[in-house]
Amino acid sequence: GSITVIPAAASDEDGIGRLTRHPESPGMTTLASTNAFGMHEAEKGSVLDVDIVLRKTDQVMMQYGLNPANDENGDGDRNDSYKNNRLRLIKVDAEGYELRALKGLNLTKYPFEYLTIEFFPKLIQECGSDPTELLLYIHESGYRFIMNPGDAGGVYDAAVASAATTSSEDVKNWAKRLVRNNSRNEGYHVNLFARLNHE
């Protein structure tokens, strides 16, 4: 196979953005205008002192020949779409911009078998999104959160994992619990895993 690098940031709308970054952690960059966690705007003239192109993710998918599960008339089948397109896994770690990136993709049009995100409540809020809305969006797009046996933090205890697979109300309560963890520790974040529900 091959990898195509697209010089743009995934978003729910086309536009232009600016990055902020942590001076001691080059990988920690975000589109949030924030000073949280020591994030700073790029220094004038530095490599990050550039405008970042924002692109709707589903438009990029179409550009590269991936057909959506549903056409404009609402026809089509989600299961056939992910099989035909071989959409197996999507990983979104956008330092708080996850909801906007996923909304731009539209998970009902482009369903992946597995989805994993970094859930960082403080940065999600700094990007203007609601952490609970992010988890609800994934759930209501047909995904069910699954257990991560290697999670040492205990986020996926059996009761929470089973609750998170049932109703939107359960997911909402689970999200509130995760956000409460963040209120006790501003840097709290965790990787979450979900699988497309075919039922």
N, C-alpha and C. Protein backbone atom coordinates (compact mmCIF):
# COMPACT_ATOMS: atom_id res chain seq x y z
N GLY A 1 0.83 -1.19 0.00
CA GLY A 1 0.00 0.00 0.00
C GLY A 1 0.86 1.25 0.00
N SER A 2 0.20 2.38 -0.03
CA SER A 2 0.92 3.65 -0.03
C SER A 2 0.22 4.61 0.93
N ILE A 3 0.96 5.63 1.29
CA ILE A 3 0.43 6.65 2.20
C ILE A 3 0.39 7.97 1.44
N THR A 4 -0.73 8.67 1.53
CA THR A 4 -0.86 9.99 0.93
C THR A 4 -0.92 11.03 2.03
N VAL A 5 0.01 11.94 2.04
CA VAL A 5 0.02 13.02 3.03
C VAL A 5 -0.76 14.19 2.46
N ILE A 6 -1.75 14.66 3.20
CA ILE A 6 -2.59 15.77 2.76
C ILE A 6 -2.25 16.99 3.61
N PRO A 7 -1.74 18.05 3.02
CA PRO A 7 -1.29 19.22 3.79
C PRO A 7 -2.47 20.09 4.24
N ALA A 8 -3.26 19.56 5.14
CA ALA A 8 -4.44 20.27 5.63
C ALA A 8 -4.85 19.67 6.96
N ALA A 9 -5.67 20.41 7.69
CA ALA A 9 -6.23 19.92 8.95
C ALA A 9 -7.67 19.52 8.71
N ALA A 10 -8.09 18.40 9.31
CA ALA A 10 -9.46 17.92 9.18
C ALA A 10 -10.39 18.80 10.01
N SER A 11 -11.51 19.19 9.39
CA SER A 11 -12.44 20.08 10.07
C SER A 11 -13.86 19.82 9.57
N ASP A 12 -14.82 20.52 10.19
CA ASP A 12 -16.21 20.42 9.74
C ASP A 12 -16.56 21.51 8.75
N GLU A 13 -15.60 22.37 8.42
CA GLU A 13 -15.81 23.40 7.41
C GLU A 13 -14.47 23.79 6.81
N ASP A 14 -14.51 24.21 5.55
CA ASP A 14 -13.30 24.69 4.90
C ASP A 14 -12.94 26.06 5.48
N GLY A 15 -11.64 26.33 5.56
CA GLY A 15 -11.22 27.62 6.08
C GLY A 15 -9.73 27.66 6.33
N ILE A 16 -9.33 28.56 7.20
CA ILE A 16 -7.93 28.75 7.55
C ILE A 16 -7.84 28.75 9.08
N GLY A 17 -6.85 28.08 9.63
CA GLY A 17 -6.63 28.06 11.07
C GLY A 17 -5.19 28.40 11.42
N ARG A 18 -4.95 28.59 12.72
CA ARG A 18 -3.61 28.85 13.22
C ARG A 18 -3.33 27.87 14.34
N LEU A 19 -2.09 27.42 14.42
CA LEU A 19 -1.71 26.45 15.45
C LEU A 19 -1.16 27.14 16.69
N THR A 20 -1.45 26.55 17.83
CA THR A 20 -0.70 26.85 19.05
C THR A 20 0.00 25.56 19.44
N ARG A 21 1.12 25.67 20.14
CA ARG A 21 1.89 24.47 20.47
C ARG A 21 2.55 24.61 21.84
N HIS A 22 2.94 23.48 22.37
CA HIS A 22 3.69 23.45 23.61
C HIS A 22 5.17 23.53 23.27
N PRO A 23 5.89 24.49 23.85
CA PRO A 23 7.29 24.69 23.46
C PRO A 23 8.20 23.50 23.73
N GLU A 24 7.82 22.65 24.70
CA GLU A 24 8.68 21.51 25.03
C GLU A 24 8.13 20.19 24.50
N SER A 25 7.02 20.26 23.79
CA SER A 25 6.41 19.04 23.24
C SER A 25 5.92 19.33 21.82
N PRO A 26 6.81 19.20 20.83
CA PRO A 26 6.46 19.58 19.46
C PRO A 26 5.22 18.88 18.92
N GLY A 27 4.92 17.68 19.41
CA GLY A 27 3.75 16.95 18.94
C GLY A 27 2.45 17.49 19.50
N MET A 28 2.53 18.32 20.54
CA MET A 28 1.32 18.85 21.17
C MET A 28 0.98 20.19 20.53
N THR A 29 0.29 20.11 19.39
CA THR A 29 -0.17 21.31 18.70
C THR A 29 -1.68 21.23 18.58
N THR A 30 -2.32 22.39 18.58
CA THR A 30 -3.77 22.41 18.51
C THR A 30 -4.25 23.63 17.74
N LEU A 31 -5.46 23.58 17.27
CA LEU A 31 -6.07 24.72 16.60
C LEU A 31 -6.81 25.61 17.59
N ALA A 32 -6.76 25.25 18.87
CA ALA A 32 -7.40 26.07 19.90
C ALA A 32 -6.54 27.30 20.16
N SER A 33 -7.18 28.45 20.35
CA SER A 33 -6.46 29.65 20.79
C SER A 33 -6.41 29.59 22.31
N THR A 34 -5.36 29.01 22.83
CA THR A 34 -5.34 28.74 24.27
C THR A 34 -3.94 28.89 24.85
N ASN A 35 -3.91 29.26 26.11
CA ASN A 35 -2.66 29.25 26.86
C ASN A 35 -2.64 28.09 27.84
N ALA A 36 -3.66 27.22 27.76
CA ALA A 36 -3.73 26.07 28.66
C ALA A 36 -2.50 25.18 28.46
N PHE A 37 -2.00 24.65 29.54
CA PHE A 37 -0.88 23.72 29.53
C PHE A 37 0.38 24.33 28.92
N GLY A 38 0.50 25.64 28.95
CA GLY A 38 1.70 26.28 28.43
C GLY A 38 1.73 26.36 26.91
N MET A 39 0.58 26.23 26.25
CA MET A 39 0.53 26.34 24.80
C MET A 39 0.73 27.80 24.40
N HIS A 40 1.44 28.00 23.29
CA HIS A 40 1.71 29.36 22.82
C HIS A 40 1.53 29.43 21.31
N GLU A 41 1.20 30.62 20.84
CA GLU A 41 1.17 30.82 19.40
C GLU A 41 2.60 30.70 18.87
N ALA A 42 2.71 30.33 17.60
CA ALA A 42 4.02 30.16 16.98
C ALA A 42 4.79 31.47 16.97
N GLU A 43 6.10 31.37 17.18
CA GLU A 43 6.93 32.56 17.12
C GLU A 43 6.97 33.08 15.69
N LYS A 44 6.99 34.40 15.56
CA LYS A 44 7.05 35.03 14.23
C LYS A 44 8.25 34.47 13.45
N GLY A 45 7.97 34.03 12.24
CA GLY A 45 9.03 33.54 11.37
C GLY A 45 9.42 32.09 11.60
N SER A 46 8.80 31.42 12.62
CA SER A 46 9.13 30.01 12.87
C SER A 46 8.41 29.11 11.87
N VAL A 47 8.78 27.85 11.86
CA VAL A 47 8.19 26.90 10.91
C VAL A 47 6.68 26.75 11.10
N LEU A 48 6.19 27.00 12.31
CA LEU A 48 4.75 26.88 12.59
C LEU A 48 3.99 28.19 12.40
N ASP A 49 4.71 29.26 12.04
CA ASP A 49 4.07 30.55 11.84
C ASP A 49 3.47 30.61 10.43
N VAL A 50 2.45 29.78 10.23
CA VAL A 50 1.81 29.68 8.92
C VAL A 50 0.31 29.50 9.11
N ASP A 51 -0.42 29.85 8.05
CA ASP A 51 -1.85 29.54 8.04
C ASP A 51 -2.02 28.06 7.71
N ILE A 52 -2.95 27.41 8.40
CA ILE A 52 -3.23 26.00 8.18
C ILE A 52 -4.56 25.89 7.41
N VAL A 53 -4.53 25.19 6.29
CA VAL A 53 -5.74 24.98 5.51
C VAL A 53 -6.64 23.99 6.26
N LEU A 54 -7.90 24.35 6.45
CA LEU A 54 -8.89 23.45 7.05
C LEU A 54 -9.75 22.90 5.92
N ARG A 55 -9.95 21.57 5.93
CA ARG A 55 -10.78 20.96 4.88
C ARG A 55 -11.81 20.04 5.49
N LYS A 56 -13.02 20.07 4.91
CA LYS A 56 -14.05 19.10 5.32
C LYS A 56 -13.55 17.72 4.94
N THR A 57 -13.52 16.84 5.91
CA THR A 57 -12.90 15.54 5.69
C THR A 57 -13.64 14.71 4.66
N ASP A 58 -14.97 14.78 4.61
CA ASP A 58 -15.70 13.97 3.63
C ASP A 58 -15.38 14.41 2.20
N GLN A 59 -15.07 15.70 2.01
CA GLN A 59 -14.68 16.17 0.68
C GLN A 59 -13.35 15.56 0.24
N VAL A 60 -12.45 15.40 1.20
CA VAL A 60 -11.16 14.77 0.90
C VAL A 60 -11.38 13.30 0.53
N MET A 61 -12.27 12.63 1.26
CA MET A 61 -12.56 11.22 0.97
C MET A 61 -13.09 11.07 -0.45
N MET A 62 -14.01 11.96 -0.83
CA MET A 62 -14.56 11.89 -2.18
C MET A 62 -13.49 12.20 -3.24
N GLN A 63 -12.62 13.15 -2.93
CA GLN A 63 -11.55 13.51 -3.85
C GLN A 63 -10.67 12.30 -4.17
N TYR A 64 -10.50 11.42 -3.17
CA TYR A 64 -9.66 10.25 -3.36
C TYR A 64 -10.46 9.00 -3.75
N GLY A 65 -11.68 9.20 -4.21
CA GLY A 65 -12.44 8.12 -4.82
C GLY A 65 -13.17 7.19 -3.88
N LEU A 66 -13.37 7.59 -2.62
CA LEU A 66 -14.12 6.77 -1.68
C LEU A 66 -15.59 7.18 -1.73
N ASN A 67 -16.45 6.23 -2.01
CA ASN A 67 -17.88 6.52 -2.15
C ASN A 67 -18.57 6.49 -0.80
N PRO A 68 -19.43 7.47 -0.54
CA PRO A 68 -20.15 7.48 0.73
C PRO A 68 -21.17 6.36 0.83
N ALA A 69 -21.52 6.00 2.06
CA ALA A 69 -22.51 4.95 2.29
C ALA A 69 -23.88 5.35 1.78
N ASN A 70 -24.20 6.63 1.88
CA ASN A 70 -25.50 7.12 1.45
C ASN A 70 -25.31 8.21 0.41
N ASP A 71 -26.05 8.11 -0.69
CA ASP A 71 -26.00 9.20 -1.66
C ASP A 71 -27.00 10.27 -1.25
N GLU A 72 -27.17 11.28 -2.07
CA GLU A 72 -28.03 12.40 -1.70
C GLU A 72 -29.47 11.98 -1.48
N ASN A 73 -29.88 10.87 -2.06
CA ASN A 73 -31.27 10.40 -1.89
C ASN A 73 -31.44 9.52 -0.66
N GLY A 74 -30.32 9.31 0.06
CA GLY A 74 -30.41 8.48 1.26
C GLY A 74 -30.31 7.00 0.98
N ASP A 75 -29.98 6.63 -0.28
CA ASP A 75 -29.84 5.22 -0.60
C ASP A 75 -28.44 4.75 -0.19
N GLY A 76 -28.24 3.44 -0.26
CA GLY A 76 -26.91 2.92 0.07
C GLY A 76 -26.93 2.20 1.40
N ASP A 77 -25.90 1.45 1.67
CA ASP A 77 -25.84 0.62 2.86
C ASP A 77 -24.51 0.83 3.58
N ARG A 78 -24.59 1.14 4.87
CA ARG A 78 -23.37 1.40 5.65
C ARG A 78 -22.42 0.21 5.62
N ASN A 79 -22.96 -0.99 5.80
CA ASN A 79 -22.10 -2.17 5.86
C ASN A 79 -21.37 -2.38 4.54
N ASP A 80 -22.08 -2.22 3.42
CA ASP A 80 -21.43 -2.37 2.11
C ASP A 80 -20.36 -1.31 1.92
N SER A 81 -20.66 -0.10 2.41
CA SER A 81 -19.71 1.00 2.19
C SER A 81 -18.37 0.75 2.86
N TYR A 82 -18.38 0.36 4.13
CA TYR A 82 -17.09 0.20 4.78
C TYR A 82 -16.36 -1.02 4.22
N LYS A 83 -17.10 -2.06 3.80
CA LYS A 83 -16.45 -3.22 3.19
C LYS A 83 -15.84 -2.85 1.84
N ASN A 84 -16.62 -2.16 1.00
CA ASN A 84 -16.14 -1.79 -0.32
C ASN A 84 -14.98 -0.81 -0.26
N ASN A 85 -15.04 0.12 0.68
CA ASN A 85 -13.99 1.12 0.80
C ASN A 85 -12.83 0.66 1.69
N ARG A 86 -13.02 -0.49 2.35
CA ARG A 86 -12.01 -1.02 3.27
C ARG A 86 -11.67 -0.01 4.37
N LEU A 87 -12.69 0.59 4.92
CA LEU A 87 -12.50 1.56 5.99
C LEU A 87 -12.45 0.80 7.31
N ARG A 88 -11.27 0.43 7.71
CA ARG A 88 -11.13 -0.44 8.88
C ARG A 88 -10.94 0.34 10.18
N LEU A 89 -10.06 1.34 10.17
CA LEU A 89 -9.72 2.02 11.42
C LEU A 89 -9.48 3.50 11.15
N ILE A 90 -10.04 4.33 12.02
CA ILE A 90 -9.69 5.76 12.00
C ILE A 90 -9.23 6.13 13.40
N LYS A 91 -8.10 6.83 13.47
CA LYS A 91 -7.56 7.31 14.74
C LYS A 91 -7.54 8.83 14.68
N VAL A 92 -8.20 9.46 15.64
CA VAL A 92 -8.26 10.92 15.67
C VAL A 92 -7.66 11.40 16.99
N ASP A 93 -6.52 12.06 16.88
CA ASP A 93 -5.84 12.63 18.04
C ASP A 93 -5.48 14.06 17.64
N ALA A 94 -6.43 14.97 17.84
CA ALA A 94 -6.31 16.33 17.31
C ALA A 94 -6.24 17.37 18.42
N GLU A 95 -5.85 16.95 19.62
CA GLU A 95 -5.67 17.86 20.75
C GLU A 95 -6.87 18.79 20.94
N GLY A 96 -8.05 18.17 21.04
CA GLY A 96 -9.27 18.93 21.34
C GLY A 96 -10.15 19.20 20.14
N TYR A 97 -9.65 18.98 18.93
CA TYR A 97 -10.39 19.29 17.71
C TYR A 97 -11.13 18.07 17.17
N GLU A 98 -11.22 17.01 17.97
CA GLU A 98 -11.77 15.74 17.50
C GLU A 98 -13.21 15.83 17.00
N LEU A 99 -14.06 16.54 17.72
CA LEU A 99 -15.48 16.60 17.31
C LEU A 99 -15.62 17.26 15.94
N ARG A 100 -14.92 18.35 15.74
CA ARG A 100 -15.02 19.05 14.46
C ARG A 100 -14.44 18.21 13.33
N ALA A 101 -13.36 17.49 13.59
CA ALA A 101 -12.77 16.63 12.56
C ALA A 101 -13.74 15.51 12.19
N LEU A 102 -14.38 14.89 13.20
CA LEU A 102 -15.30 13.79 12.93
C LEU A 102 -16.59 14.27 12.26
N LYS A 103 -17.07 15.45 12.65
CA LYS A 103 -18.28 15.97 11.99
C LYS A 103 -18.00 16.27 10.53
N GLY A 104 -16.80 16.72 10.22
CA GLY A 104 -16.43 16.97 8.84
C GLY A 104 -16.34 15.69 8.02
N LEU A 105 -16.01 14.60 8.70
CA LEU A 105 -15.95 13.30 8.02
C LEU A 105 -17.35 12.76 7.78
N ASN A 106 -18.22 12.91 8.78
CA ASN A 106 -19.59 12.37 8.74
C ASN A 106 -19.54 10.85 8.77
N LEU A 107 -19.56 10.31 9.98
CA LEU A 107 -19.39 8.87 10.20
C LEU A 107 -20.53 8.03 9.64
N THR A 108 -21.68 8.64 9.35
CA THR A 108 -22.74 7.85 8.72
C THR A 108 -22.48 7.71 7.22
N LYS A 109 -21.80 8.69 6.63
CA LYS A 109 -21.44 8.59 5.21
C LYS A 109 -20.21 7.72 5.01
N TYR A 110 -19.26 7.81 5.95
CA TYR A 110 -18.01 7.06 5.85
C TYR A 110 -17.78 6.27 7.13
N PRO A 111 -18.47 5.16 7.28
CA PRO A 111 -18.34 4.37 8.51
C PRO A 111 -17.07 3.52 8.50
N PHE A 112 -16.28 3.66 9.54
CA PHE A 112 -15.11 2.82 9.75
C PHE A 112 -15.50 1.69 10.70
N GLU A 113 -14.84 0.55 10.58
CA GLU A 113 -15.13 -0.56 11.48
C GLU A 113 -14.73 -0.21 12.92
N TYR A 114 -13.57 0.39 13.07
CA TYR A 114 -13.07 0.77 14.41
C TYR A 114 -12.73 2.25 14.42
N LEU A 115 -12.88 2.85 15.59
CA LEU A 115 -12.57 4.25 15.77
C LEU A 115 -11.88 4.42 17.11
N THR A 116 -10.81 5.20 17.14
CA THR A 116 -10.17 5.51 18.40
C THR A 116 -9.88 7.00 18.47
N ILE A 117 -10.10 7.57 19.61
CA ILE A 117 -9.85 9.00 19.81
C ILE A 117 -9.09 9.22 21.11
N GLU A 118 -8.38 10.34 21.17
CA GLU A 118 -7.88 10.81 22.45
C GLU A 118 -8.97 11.70 23.05
N PHE A 119 -9.38 11.40 24.26
CA PHE A 119 -10.43 12.17 24.93
C PHE A 119 -9.76 13.03 25.99
N PHE A 120 -9.64 14.33 25.69
CA PHE A 120 -8.91 15.29 26.53
C PHE A 120 -9.88 16.43 26.83
N PRO A 121 -10.73 16.27 27.86
CA PRO A 121 -11.84 17.22 28.09
C PRO A 121 -11.44 18.69 28.07
N LYS A 122 -10.33 19.04 28.75
CA LYS A 122 -9.95 20.45 28.83
C LYS A 122 -9.65 21.03 27.45
N LEU A 123 -8.90 20.31 26.63
CA LEU A 123 -8.58 20.82 25.29
C LEU A 123 -9.80 20.81 24.38
N ILE A 124 -10.69 19.84 24.55
CA ILE A 124 -11.94 19.82 23.76
C ILE A 124 -12.73 21.11 24.04
N GLN A 125 -12.81 21.47 25.32
CA GLN A 125 -13.51 22.70 25.69
C GLN A 125 -12.80 23.93 25.15
N GLU A 126 -11.47 23.92 25.18
CA GLU A 126 -10.69 25.06 24.67
C GLU A 126 -10.90 25.23 23.16
N CYS A 127 -11.24 24.15 22.47
CA CYS A 127 -11.51 24.23 21.03
C CYS A 127 -12.96 24.59 20.74
N GLY A 128 -13.73 24.89 21.80
CA GLY A 128 -15.11 25.33 21.61
C GLY A 128 -16.12 24.20 21.49
N SER A 129 -15.72 22.99 21.87
CA SER A 129 -16.64 21.85 21.79
C SER A 129 -16.98 21.34 23.18
N ASP A 130 -18.01 20.52 23.24
CA ASP A 130 -18.46 19.91 24.50
C ASP A 130 -17.99 18.46 24.52
N PRO A 131 -17.20 18.05 25.52
CA PRO A 131 -16.71 16.67 25.58
C PRO A 131 -17.83 15.63 25.53
N THR A 132 -18.95 15.92 26.20
CA THR A 132 -20.08 14.99 26.19
C THR A 132 -20.65 14.86 24.78
N GLU A 133 -20.74 15.98 24.06
CA GLU A 133 -21.26 15.95 22.70
C GLU A 133 -20.39 15.08 21.80
N LEU A 134 -19.07 15.09 22.02
CA LEU A 134 -18.17 14.26 21.23
C LEU A 134 -18.52 12.79 21.38
N LEU A 135 -18.67 12.32 22.62
CA LEU A 135 -18.97 10.91 22.83
C LEU A 135 -20.37 10.56 22.33
N LEU A 136 -21.32 11.47 22.51
CA LEU A 136 -22.67 11.23 21.99
C LEU A 136 -22.68 11.16 20.47
N TYR A 137 -21.92 12.03 19.82
CA TYR A 137 -21.86 12.02 18.36
C TYR A 137 -21.36 10.66 17.86
N ILE A 138 -20.33 10.14 18.49
CA ILE A 138 -19.80 8.83 18.09
C ILE A 138 -20.85 7.75 18.32
N HIS A 139 -21.47 7.76 19.49
CA HIS A 139 -22.50 6.76 19.83
C HIS A 139 -23.68 6.84 18.86
N GLU A 140 -24.15 8.06 18.59
CA GLU A 140 -25.33 8.23 17.75
C GLU A 140 -25.01 8.02 16.26
N SER A 141 -23.72 7.93 15.92
CA SER A 141 -23.31 7.59 14.56
C SER A 141 -23.24 6.08 14.36
N GLY A 142 -23.64 5.34 15.40
CA GLY A 142 -23.72 3.88 15.26
C GLY A 142 -22.56 3.12 15.86
N TYR A 143 -21.78 3.75 16.72
CA TYR A 143 -20.63 3.08 17.34
C TYR A 143 -20.94 2.72 18.79
N ARG A 144 -20.28 1.68 19.26
CA ARG A 144 -20.38 1.30 20.66
C ARG A 144 -18.96 1.24 21.24
N PHE A 145 -18.79 1.92 22.37
CA PHE A 145 -17.47 1.94 23.01
C PHE A 145 -17.16 0.56 23.54
N ILE A 146 -15.90 0.16 23.39
CA ILE A 146 -15.49 -1.17 23.81
C ILE A 146 -14.39 -1.08 24.84
N MET A 147 -14.21 -2.17 25.55
CA MET A 147 -13.27 -2.21 26.65
C MET A 147 -11.83 -2.19 26.17
N ASN A 148 -10.99 -1.50 26.86
CA ASN A 148 -9.55 -1.52 26.62
C ASN A 148 -8.90 -2.23 27.79
N PRO A 149 -8.59 -3.53 27.65
CA PRO A 149 -8.07 -4.28 28.79
C PRO A 149 -6.77 -3.72 29.34
N GLY A 150 -6.01 -2.99 28.51
CA GLY A 150 -4.72 -2.47 28.95
C GLY A 150 -4.81 -1.12 29.63
N ASP A 151 -6.02 -0.61 29.86
CA ASP A 151 -6.14 0.72 30.46
C ASP A 151 -5.90 0.65 31.95
N ALA A 152 -4.75 1.12 32.37
CA ALA A 152 -4.38 1.03 33.78
C ALA A 152 -5.14 2.02 34.64
N GLY A 153 -5.72 3.03 33.99
CA GLY A 153 -6.42 4.05 34.76
C GLY A 153 -7.80 3.63 35.24
N GLY A 154 -8.27 2.47 34.82
CA GLY A 154 -9.55 1.99 35.30
C GLY A 154 -10.75 2.66 34.67
N VAL A 155 -10.55 3.37 33.55
CA VAL A 155 -11.69 4.05 32.92
C VAL A 155 -12.71 3.03 32.45
N TYR A 156 -12.23 1.89 31.98
CA TYR A 156 -13.14 0.89 31.41
C TYR A 156 -13.43 -0.23 32.40
N ASP A 157 -13.89 0.10 33.59
CA ASP A 157 -14.32 -0.99 34.45
C ASP A 157 -15.57 -1.60 33.83
N ALA A 158 -15.90 -2.80 34.21
CA ALA A 158 -16.96 -3.56 33.52
C ALA A 158 -18.29 -2.82 33.51
N ALA A 159 -18.64 -2.19 34.62
CA ALA A 159 -19.93 -1.50 34.69
C ALA A 159 -19.99 -0.34 33.71
N VAL A 160 -18.91 0.44 33.63
CA VAL A 160 -18.90 1.59 32.73
C VAL A 160 -18.91 1.12 31.29
N ALA A 161 -18.11 0.11 30.98
CA ALA A 161 -18.03 -0.36 29.59
C ALA A 161 -19.38 -0.88 29.12
N SER A 162 -20.07 -1.64 29.96
CA SER A 162 -21.35 -2.18 29.52
C SER A 162 -22.39 -1.07 29.42
N ALA A 163 -22.33 -0.11 30.35
CA ALA A 163 -23.28 1.00 30.29
C ALA A 163 -23.07 1.84 29.04
N ALA A 164 -21.81 2.01 28.66
CA ALA A 164 -21.50 2.88 27.53
C ALA A 164 -21.92 2.28 26.20
N THR A 165 -22.31 1.03 26.20
CA THR A 165 -22.70 0.41 24.93
C THR A 165 -24.22 0.41 24.74
N THR A 166 -24.98 0.95 25.69
CA THR A 166 -26.42 0.80 25.59
C THR A 166 -27.13 2.04 25.05
N SER A 167 -27.41 3.02 25.88
CA SER A 167 -28.23 4.15 25.44
C SER A 167 -27.43 5.46 25.43
N SER A 168 -28.02 6.45 24.77
CA SER A 168 -27.40 7.77 24.75
C SER A 168 -27.30 8.34 26.16
N GLU A 169 -28.30 8.07 26.98
CA GLU A 169 -28.29 8.56 28.35
C GLU A 169 -27.13 7.96 29.14
N ASP A 170 -26.85 6.67 28.92
CA ASP A 170 -25.72 6.02 29.58
C ASP A 170 -24.41 6.66 29.15
N VAL A 171 -24.29 6.93 27.85
CA VAL A 171 -23.07 7.55 27.34
C VAL A 171 -22.89 8.94 27.94
N LYS A 172 -24.00 9.68 28.06
CA LYS A 172 -23.95 11.02 28.65
C LYS A 172 -23.43 10.96 30.09
N ASN A 173 -23.94 10.01 30.87
CA ASN A 173 -23.50 9.87 32.26
C ASN A 173 -22.03 9.45 32.34
N TRP A 174 -21.64 8.56 31.44
CA TRP A 174 -20.25 8.11 31.40
C TRP A 174 -19.33 9.28 31.05
N ALA A 175 -19.74 10.10 30.08
CA ALA A 175 -18.94 11.26 29.69
C ALA A 175 -18.78 12.22 30.87
N LYS A 176 -19.86 12.42 31.62
CA LYS A 176 -19.78 13.32 32.77
C LYS A 176 -18.77 12.81 33.79
N ARG A 177 -18.72 11.50 33.95
CA ARG A 177 -17.76 10.91 34.88
C ARG A 177 -16.32 11.20 34.41
N LEU A 178 -16.09 11.05 33.11
CA LEU A 178 -14.75 11.31 32.58
C LEU A 178 -14.39 12.79 32.71
N VAL A 179 -15.37 13.67 32.50
CA VAL A 179 -15.11 15.10 32.63
C VAL A 179 -14.84 15.45 34.09
N ARG A 180 -15.52 14.78 35.03
CA ARG A 180 -15.24 15.01 36.46
C ARG A 180 -13.79 14.64 36.78
N ASN A 181 -13.30 13.56 36.18
CA ASN A 181 -11.89 13.19 36.38
C ASN A 181 -10.99 14.34 35.93
N ASN A 182 -11.38 15.00 34.84
CA ASN A 182 -10.60 16.11 34.31
C ASN A 182 -10.65 17.31 35.24
N SER A 183 -11.78 17.52 35.92
CA SER A 183 -11.88 18.67 36.82
C SER A 183 -10.96 18.50 38.02
N ARG A 184 -10.66 17.25 38.38
CA ARG A 184 -9.71 17.00 39.47
C ARG A 184 -8.27 17.06 38.99
N ASN A 185 -8.06 16.82 37.70
CA ASN A 185 -6.72 16.82 37.12
C ASN A 185 -6.83 17.38 35.72
N GLU A 186 -6.44 18.66 35.55
CA GLU A 186 -6.65 19.36 34.29
C GLU A 186 -6.00 18.66 33.10
N GLY A 187 -4.91 17.93 33.35
CA GLY A 187 -4.21 17.26 32.27
C GLY A 187 -4.74 15.87 31.96
N TYR A 188 -5.83 15.47 32.65
CA TYR A 188 -6.38 14.12 32.46
C TYR A 188 -6.84 13.91 31.02
N HIS A 189 -6.39 12.83 30.42
CA HIS A 189 -6.89 12.42 29.11
C HIS A 189 -6.70 10.92 28.96
N VAL A 190 -7.47 10.35 28.04
CA VAL A 190 -7.46 8.89 27.88
C VAL A 190 -7.82 8.56 26.44
N ASN A 191 -7.29 7.45 25.95
CA ASN A 191 -7.67 6.97 24.62
C ASN A 191 -8.94 6.12 24.74
N LEU A 192 -9.90 6.38 23.87
CA LEU A 192 -11.16 5.63 23.87
C LEU A 192 -11.28 4.87 22.55
N PHE A 193 -11.90 3.70 22.62
CA PHE A 193 -12.03 2.83 21.46
C PHE A 193 -13.51 2.51 21.23
N ALA A 194 -13.90 2.46 19.96
CA ALA A 194 -15.29 2.15 19.63
C ALA A 194 -15.33 1.28 18.38
N ARG A 195 -16.41 0.51 18.25
CA ARG A 195 -16.58 -0.36 17.09
C ARG A 195 -17.95 -0.10 16.49
N LEU A 196 -18.03 -0.15 15.16
CA LEU A 196 -19.29 0.05 14.47
C LEU A 196 -20.27 -1.06 14.84
N ASN A 197 -21.47 -0.66 15.20
CA ASN A 197 -22.50 -1.62 15.58
C ASN A 197 -23.29 -2.01 14.31
N HIS A 198 -23.26 -3.30 13.95
CA HIS A 198 -23.93 -3.75 12.72
C HIS A 198 -25.35 -4.23 12.96
N GLU A 199 -25.82 -4.18 14.19
CA GLU A 199 -27.16 -4.69 14.49
C GLU A 199 -28.23 -3.72 14.01
